[in-house]
């Protein structure tokens, strides 16, 4: 579950804002790796004076079988740590 105004920090300095932005990113990932298995490995949060700050570590394993965000399908196995 994400707050409507969630700000998600990604590798490479990329930021995704809000549930719509996150939904779009997840759809792109699943389209590129249609056989992907996603696992949440760790979650932590802390309550600050201005709200809750949370972090999730997840992994994705699959094969690059779909075109899109990562170019033409290579059929190679992938492991993504997020």
N, C-alpha and C. Protein backbone atom coordinates (compact mmCIF):
# COMPACT_ATOMS: atom_id res chain seq x y z
N UNK A 1 0.84 -1.17 0.00
CA UNK A 1 0.00 0.00 0.00
C UNK A 1 0.88 1.24 0.00
N UNK A 2 0.52 2.20 -0.79
CA UNK A 2 1.27 3.45 -0.89
C UNK A 2 0.33 4.62 -0.66
N UNK A 3 0.87 5.66 -0.03
CA UNK A 3 0.11 6.89 0.14
C UNK A 3 -0.04 7.54 -1.24
N UNK A 4 -1.14 8.25 -1.49
CA UNK A 4 -1.36 8.87 -2.80
C UNK A 4 -0.21 9.77 -3.24
N UNK A 5 0.45 10.43 -2.32
CA UNK A 5 1.55 11.33 -2.67
C UNK A 5 2.92 10.73 -2.40
N UNK A 6 3.03 9.41 -2.40
CA UNK A 6 4.31 8.76 -2.11
C UNK A 6 5.38 9.19 -3.10
N UNK A 7 6.59 9.35 -2.60
CA UNK A 7 7.76 9.66 -3.42
C UNK A 7 8.69 8.46 -3.33
N UNK A 8 8.92 7.80 -4.46
CA UNK A 8 9.73 6.59 -4.50
C UNK A 8 11.07 6.94 -5.13
N UNK A 9 12.16 6.66 -4.41
CA UNK A 9 13.51 6.92 -4.89
C UNK A 9 14.04 5.65 -5.54
N UNK A 10 14.49 5.78 -6.78
CA UNK A 10 14.97 4.63 -7.55
C UNK A 10 16.48 4.76 -7.79
N UNK A 11 17.07 3.66 -8.25
CA UNK A 11 18.49 3.68 -8.60
C UNK A 11 18.74 4.72 -9.69
N UNK A 12 19.94 5.25 -9.70
CA UNK A 12 20.30 6.23 -10.72
C UNK A 12 19.70 7.60 -10.51
N UNK A 13 19.15 7.84 -9.32
CA UNK A 13 18.57 9.14 -9.01
C UNK A 13 17.16 9.35 -9.55
N UNK A 14 16.58 8.30 -10.14
CA UNK A 14 15.21 8.41 -10.67
C UNK A 14 14.22 8.46 -9.52
N UNK A 15 13.20 9.28 -9.66
CA UNK A 15 12.14 9.37 -8.67
C UNK A 15 10.79 9.13 -9.33
N UNK A 16 9.95 8.43 -8.64
CA UNK A 16 8.58 8.18 -9.10
C UNK A 16 7.66 8.79 -8.07
N UNK A 17 6.68 9.54 -8.53
CA UNK A 17 5.77 10.22 -7.62
C UNK A 17 4.37 9.65 -7.74
N UNK A 18 3.81 9.27 -6.62
CA UNK A 18 2.42 8.86 -6.55
C UNK A 18 2.14 7.44 -7.00
N UNK A 19 0.95 7.01 -6.70
CA UNK A 19 0.51 5.66 -7.02
C UNK A 19 0.45 5.44 -8.53
N UNK A 20 0.00 6.43 -9.29
CA UNK A 20 -0.07 6.29 -10.75
C UNK A 20 1.32 6.08 -11.36
N UNK A 21 2.30 6.84 -10.89
CA UNK A 21 3.67 6.69 -11.39
C UNK A 21 4.24 5.32 -11.05
N UNK A 22 3.99 4.86 -9.83
CA UNK A 22 4.47 3.54 -9.42
C UNK A 22 3.77 2.44 -10.20
N UNK A 23 2.48 2.57 -10.41
CA UNK A 23 1.73 1.58 -11.18
C UNK A 23 2.28 1.47 -12.60
N UNK A 24 2.56 2.61 -13.22
CA UNK A 24 3.12 2.63 -14.58
C UNK A 24 4.47 1.91 -14.61
N UNK A 25 5.33 2.17 -13.64
CA UNK A 25 6.64 1.54 -13.58
C UNK A 25 6.51 0.02 -13.41
N UNK A 26 5.66 -0.42 -12.51
CA UNK A 26 5.48 -1.85 -12.26
C UNK A 26 4.96 -2.55 -13.52
N UNK A 27 4.02 -1.94 -14.22
CA UNK A 27 3.49 -2.52 -15.46
C UNK A 27 4.61 -2.66 -16.50
N UNK A 28 5.48 -1.66 -16.60
CA UNK A 28 6.62 -1.73 -17.53
C UNK A 28 7.56 -2.88 -17.15
N UNK A 29 7.83 -3.04 -15.87
CA UNK A 29 8.71 -4.12 -15.40
C UNK A 29 8.09 -5.48 -15.72
N UNK A 30 6.82 -5.65 -15.41
CA UNK A 30 6.17 -6.94 -15.63
C UNK A 30 6.01 -7.24 -17.12
N UNK A 31 5.87 -6.21 -17.96
CA UNK A 31 5.80 -6.43 -19.40
C UNK A 31 7.15 -6.91 -19.94
N UNK A 32 8.24 -6.38 -19.40
CA UNK A 32 9.57 -6.78 -19.85
C UNK A 32 9.94 -8.18 -19.34
N UNK A 33 9.43 -8.53 -18.16
CA UNK A 33 9.76 -9.81 -17.54
C UNK A 33 8.47 -10.54 -17.16
N UNK A 34 7.71 -11.04 -18.14
CA UNK A 34 6.39 -11.59 -17.86
C UNK A 34 6.39 -12.83 -16.97
N UNK A 35 7.51 -13.52 -16.86
CA UNK A 35 7.58 -14.69 -15.98
C UNK A 35 8.22 -14.35 -14.63
N UNK A 36 8.30 -13.07 -14.32
CA UNK A 36 9.01 -12.61 -13.14
C UNK A 36 8.38 -13.11 -11.84
N UNK A 37 9.26 -13.38 -10.90
CA UNK A 37 8.86 -13.66 -9.52
C UNK A 37 9.42 -12.52 -8.68
N UNK A 38 8.55 -11.82 -7.99
CA UNK A 38 8.95 -10.68 -7.16
C UNK A 38 8.80 -11.08 -5.70
N UNK A 39 9.83 -10.79 -4.91
CA UNK A 39 9.80 -11.14 -3.49
C UNK A 39 10.21 -9.93 -2.66
N UNK A 40 9.42 -9.61 -1.64
CA UNK A 40 9.78 -8.56 -0.71
C UNK A 40 10.67 -9.20 0.36
N UNK A 41 11.89 -8.71 0.49
CA UNK A 41 12.85 -9.32 1.39
C UNK A 41 12.97 -8.60 2.72
N UNK A 42 12.73 -7.29 2.72
CA UNK A 42 12.89 -6.55 3.97
C UNK A 42 12.05 -5.28 3.93
N UNK A 43 11.46 -4.96 5.06
CA UNK A 43 10.68 -3.73 5.21
C UNK A 43 11.07 -3.09 6.53
N UNK A 44 11.21 -1.78 6.52
CA UNK A 44 11.43 -1.07 7.79
C UNK A 44 10.77 0.30 7.68
N UNK A 45 10.42 0.84 8.84
CA UNK A 45 9.84 2.18 8.85
C UNK A 45 10.20 2.86 10.16
N UNK A 46 10.10 4.17 10.14
CA UNK A 46 10.34 4.99 11.33
C UNK A 46 9.37 6.16 11.28
N UNK A 47 8.84 6.49 12.43
CA UNK A 47 7.95 7.63 12.51
C UNK A 47 8.75 8.88 12.86
N UNK A 48 8.68 9.86 11.98
CA UNK A 48 9.36 11.13 12.17
C UNK A 48 8.32 12.20 12.51
N UNK A 49 8.78 13.37 12.85
CA UNK A 49 7.84 14.45 13.19
C UNK A 49 6.97 14.85 12.01
N UNK A 50 7.48 14.65 10.77
CA UNK A 50 6.72 15.03 9.59
C UNK A 50 6.06 13.84 8.90
N UNK A 51 6.02 12.69 9.55
CA UNK A 51 5.35 11.53 8.99
C UNK A 51 6.20 10.27 9.06
N UNK A 52 5.72 9.24 8.42
CA UNK A 52 6.40 7.95 8.42
C UNK A 52 7.32 7.85 7.21
N UNK A 53 8.53 7.39 7.43
CA UNK A 53 9.47 7.10 6.35
C UNK A 53 9.63 5.59 6.30
N UNK A 54 9.46 5.00 5.12
CA UNK A 54 9.53 3.55 4.98
C UNK A 54 10.48 3.17 3.87
N UNK A 55 11.05 1.98 3.98
CA UNK A 55 11.93 1.44 2.94
C UNK A 55 11.62 -0.04 2.76
N UNK A 56 11.68 -0.48 1.51
CA UNK A 56 11.43 -1.88 1.17
C UNK A 56 12.58 -2.36 0.29
N UNK A 57 13.11 -3.54 0.59
CA UNK A 57 14.07 -4.18 -0.31
C UNK A 57 13.38 -5.36 -0.96
N UNK A 58 13.41 -5.42 -2.30
CA UNK A 58 12.73 -6.48 -3.03
C UNK A 58 13.65 -7.02 -4.12
N UNK A 59 13.33 -8.20 -4.60
CA UNK A 59 14.07 -8.78 -5.71
C UNK A 59 13.08 -9.23 -6.78
N UNK A 60 13.56 -9.23 -8.02
CA UNK A 60 12.80 -9.73 -9.15
C UNK A 60 13.71 -10.68 -9.91
N UNK A 61 13.20 -11.86 -10.21
CA UNK A 61 13.93 -12.85 -11.02
C UNK A 61 13.03 -13.27 -12.17
N UNK A 62 13.61 -13.35 -13.36
CA UNK A 62 12.84 -13.78 -14.52
C UNK A 62 13.71 -13.75 -15.76
N UNK A 63 13.08 -13.75 -16.90
CA UNK A 63 13.78 -13.65 -18.19
C UNK A 63 13.27 -12.42 -18.93
N UNK A 64 14.16 -11.78 -19.67
CA UNK A 64 13.80 -10.60 -20.44
C UNK A 64 13.10 -11.06 -21.72
N UNK A 65 11.77 -11.16 -21.65
CA UNK A 65 10.99 -11.69 -22.77
C UNK A 65 10.06 -10.67 -23.41
N UNK A 66 10.01 -9.46 -22.88
CA UNK A 66 9.10 -8.45 -23.44
C UNK A 66 9.83 -7.18 -23.81
N UNK A 67 9.35 -6.51 -24.85
CA UNK A 67 9.94 -5.25 -25.30
C UNK A 67 9.47 -4.10 -24.41
N UNK A 68 10.17 -2.99 -24.46
CA UNK A 68 9.73 -1.81 -23.73
C UNK A 68 10.86 -1.12 -23.00
N UNK A 69 10.68 -0.96 -21.72
CA UNK A 69 11.57 -0.18 -20.86
C UNK A 69 13.05 -0.57 -21.02
N UNK A 70 13.34 -1.83 -21.29
CA UNK A 70 14.72 -2.32 -21.37
C UNK A 70 15.11 -2.76 -22.77
N UNK A 71 14.43 -2.27 -23.79
CA UNK A 71 14.76 -2.58 -25.18
C UNK A 71 14.14 -3.89 -25.65
N UNK A 72 14.68 -4.40 -26.75
CA UNK A 72 14.16 -5.63 -27.35
C UNK A 72 14.44 -6.82 -26.43
N UNK A 73 13.56 -7.82 -26.42
CA UNK A 73 13.76 -8.98 -25.56
C UNK A 73 15.07 -9.71 -25.89
N UNK A 74 15.83 -10.02 -24.86
CA UNK A 74 17.10 -10.73 -25.04
C UNK A 74 16.99 -12.20 -24.66
N UNK A 75 15.91 -12.58 -23.99
CA UNK A 75 15.70 -13.94 -23.49
C UNK A 75 16.68 -14.32 -22.38
N UNK A 76 17.47 -13.37 -21.90
CA UNK A 76 18.46 -13.65 -20.86
C UNK A 76 17.82 -13.60 -19.48
N UNK A 77 18.35 -14.40 -18.55
CA UNK A 77 17.85 -14.34 -17.18
C UNK A 77 18.25 -13.01 -16.53
N UNK A 78 17.39 -12.51 -15.66
CA UNK A 78 17.67 -11.25 -14.97
C UNK A 78 17.46 -11.42 -13.47
N UNK A 79 18.20 -10.63 -12.72
CA UNK A 79 18.02 -10.52 -11.28
C UNK A 79 18.08 -9.04 -10.97
N UNK A 80 17.00 -8.49 -10.44
CA UNK A 80 16.93 -7.06 -10.13
C UNK A 80 16.75 -6.93 -8.63
N UNK A 81 17.58 -6.09 -8.02
CA UNK A 81 17.46 -5.79 -6.60
C UNK A 81 16.92 -4.37 -6.48
N UNK A 82 15.84 -4.21 -5.79
CA UNK A 82 15.23 -2.89 -5.65
C UNK A 82 14.95 -2.54 -4.21
